[in-house]
């Protein structure tokens, strides 16, 4: 019964799949839980599944916050999401490129982004033109 309470506590969003917090909620000793895990392979597997379930709950909560922030127009979250999803494009290196469509002398873009545009222009000109049209005017002048 105590093992089951512990496993259920691991899945709770309030514990975040944290063993210490789950032990406190279940009212069990953490050292004893680890001992049970080491001695009982079935319990060990259930523990691992509970951790995965708890982490998925945390992911779901985080995504909900991100979606709400994006819907509210949070630009920092938008940049974070793009960098996370497209890290090959949005790397930390920046290129300073002269602009042709702006009074500003320089436009900063990531080197990965510039390389992606160049490769796309060479390999698939039609797709490149479609994507180029979506870019801000300042960046269009670089292509």
Protein backbone atom coordinates (compact mmCIF):
# COMPACT_ATOMS: atom_id res chain seq x y z
CA UNK A 1 0.00 0.00 0.00
CA UNK A 2 2.82 2.43 0.86
CA UNK A 3 4.60 1.67 -2.39
CA UNK A 4 1.44 2.40 -4.36
CA UNK A 5 0.91 5.72 -2.53
CA UNK A 6 4.50 6.63 -3.35
CA UNK A 7 4.08 5.75 -7.04
CA UNK A 8 0.90 7.82 -7.27
CA UNK A 9 2.65 10.76 -5.59
CA UNK A 10 5.48 10.58 -8.14
CA UNK A 11 2.92 11.23 -10.90
CA UNK A 12 1.43 14.32 -9.26
CA UNK A 13 2.11 17.70 -10.81
CA UNK A 14 2.91 19.06 -7.36
CA UNK A 15 5.88 16.70 -6.99
CA UNK A 16 7.27 17.11 -10.47
CA UNK A 17 8.46 13.48 -10.43
CA UNK A 18 10.66 14.37 -7.44
CA UNK A 19 11.35 11.35 -5.22
CA UNK A 20 11.85 13.35 -2.01
CA UNK A 21 8.56 15.23 -2.44
CA UNK A 22 6.71 12.06 -3.38
CA UNK A 23 8.03 10.35 -0.24
CA UNK A 24 6.82 13.24 1.92
CA UNK A 25 3.36 13.18 0.34
CA UNK A 26 3.11 9.39 0.67
CA UNK A 27 4.51 9.49 4.22
CA UNK A 28 7.29 6.98 3.49
CA UNK A 29 11.01 6.91 4.11
CA UNK A 30 13.07 7.78 1.03
CA UNK A 31 15.90 5.36 1.92
CA UNK A 32 13.38 2.54 2.31
CA UNK A 33 11.84 3.39 -1.09
CA UNK A 34 15.24 3.18 -2.77
CA UNK A 35 15.87 -0.12 -1.01
CA UNK A 36 12.55 -1.47 -2.29
CA UNK A 37 13.45 -0.30 -5.79
CA UNK A 38 16.78 -2.13 -5.64
CA UNK A 39 15.20 -5.35 -4.35
CA UNK A 40 11.96 -5.50 -6.36
CA UNK A 41 12.31 -5.38 -10.16
CA UNK A 42 8.54 -4.96 -10.69
CA UNK A 43 8.45 -2.03 -8.30
CA UNK A 44 11.55 -0.61 -10.01
CA UNK A 45 9.78 -0.72 -13.39
CA UNK A 46 6.64 0.88 -11.95
CA UNK A 47 8.84 3.58 -10.37
CA UNK A 48 10.47 4.34 -13.73
CA UNK A 49 7.06 4.55 -15.41
CA UNK A 50 5.77 6.85 -12.67
CA UNK A 51 8.78 9.14 -13.18
CA UNK A 52 8.06 9.26 -16.93
CA UNK A 53 4.41 10.01 -16.23
CA UNK A 54 5.32 12.76 -13.77
CA UNK A 55 7.74 14.33 -16.23
CA UNK A 56 5.10 14.24 -18.96
CA UNK A 57 2.73 16.06 -16.62
CA UNK A 58 5.39 18.74 -16.13
CA UNK A 59 5.92 19.00 -19.89
CA UNK A 60 2.19 19.40 -20.44
CA UNK A 61 2.05 22.16 -17.85
CA UNK A 62 5.06 23.92 -19.38
CA UNK A 63 3.55 23.72 -22.86
CA UNK A 64 0.30 25.20 -21.55
CA UNK A 65 2.20 28.17 -20.16
CA UNK A 66 4.17 28.55 -23.39
CA UNK A 67 1.01 28.42 -25.53
CA UNK A 68 -0.68 31.03 -23.35
CA UNK A 69 2.41 33.25 -23.44
CA UNK A 70 2.60 32.97 -27.23
CA UNK A 71 -1.10 33.77 -27.54
CA UNK A 72 -0.53 36.82 -25.33
CA UNK A 73 2.25 37.97 -27.69
CA UNK A 74 5.25 37.27 -25.46
CA UNK A 75 8.18 37.85 -27.82
CA UNK A 76 10.78 36.35 -25.48
CA UNK A 77 8.87 33.08 -25.35
CA UNK A 78 8.49 33.11 -29.14
CA UNK A 79 12.25 33.47 -29.58
CA UNK A 80 12.88 30.75 -26.98
CA UNK A 81 10.52 28.35 -28.75
CA UNK A 82 12.07 29.03 -32.15
CA UNK A 83 15.58 28.57 -30.81
CA UNK A 84 14.56 25.33 -29.12
CA UNK A 85 12.75 23.88 -32.12
CA UNK A 86 15.17 25.09 -34.78
CA UNK A 87 18.52 25.14 -33.03
CA UNK A 88 20.30 24.26 -36.26
CA UNK A 89 19.10 27.53 -37.77
CA UNK A 90 19.05 29.87 -34.77
CA UNK A 91 22.56 29.33 -33.44
CA UNK A 92 24.47 31.84 -31.34
CA UNK A 93 26.84 33.02 -34.07
CA UNK A 94 25.83 36.24 -35.74
CA UNK A 95 26.77 37.61 -39.10
CA UNK A 96 26.81 41.32 -39.79
CA UNK A 97 25.52 41.81 -43.30
CA UNK A 98 24.96 45.07 -45.16
CA UNK A 99 21.34 45.77 -45.94
CA UNK A 100 19.97 47.03 -49.21
CA UNK A 101 16.45 47.92 -48.13
CA UNK A 102 17.05 49.79 -44.92
CA UNK A 103 18.79 52.96 -43.82
CA UNK A 104 20.54 50.87 -41.20
CA UNK A 105 24.01 49.85 -42.36
CA UNK A 106 23.98 46.36 -40.83
CA UNK A 107 21.56 43.50 -40.29
CA UNK A 108 22.35 40.79 -37.75
CA UNK A 109 21.37 37.23 -38.62
CA UNK A 110 22.64 33.92 -37.33
CA UNK A 111 25.25 32.21 -39.46
CA UNK A 112 23.09 29.07 -39.44
CA UNK A 113 20.14 31.05 -40.79
CA UNK A 114 22.29 32.59 -43.53
CA UNK A 115 23.71 29.18 -44.47
CA UNK A 116 20.20 27.69 -44.61
CA UNK A 117 19.03 30.46 -46.94
CA UNK A 118 22.05 30.04 -49.19
CA UNK A 119 21.58 26.27 -49.40
CA UNK A 120 17.87 26.63 -50.09
CA UNK A 121 18.53 29.21 -52.83
CA UNK A 122 20.95 26.80 -54.53
CA UNK A 123 18.99 23.57 -54.14
CA UNK A 124 15.37 24.69 -54.47
CA UNK A 125 14.94 28.19 -55.91
CA UNK A 126 11.12 28.00 -55.88
CA UNK A 127 10.97 27.12 -52.19
CA UNK A 128 13.57 29.77 -51.51
CA UNK A 129 11.42 32.45 -53.16
CA UNK A 130 8.37 31.37 -51.12
CA UNK A 131 10.34 31.48 -47.86
CA UNK A 132 12.07 34.73 -48.81
CA UNK A 133 8.69 36.42 -49.23
CA UNK A 134 7.89 35.60 -45.59
CA UNK A 135 11.04 37.30 -44.29
CA UNK A 136 11.08 40.84 -42.97
CA UNK A 137 11.98 43.39 -45.66
CA UNK A 138 15.30 44.10 -43.99
CA UNK A 139 16.37 40.46 -44.29
CA UNK A 140 14.95 40.09 -47.82
CA UNK A 141 17.54 42.62 -48.96
CA UNK A 142 20.30 40.25 -47.90
CA UNK A 143 19.22 37.37 -50.07
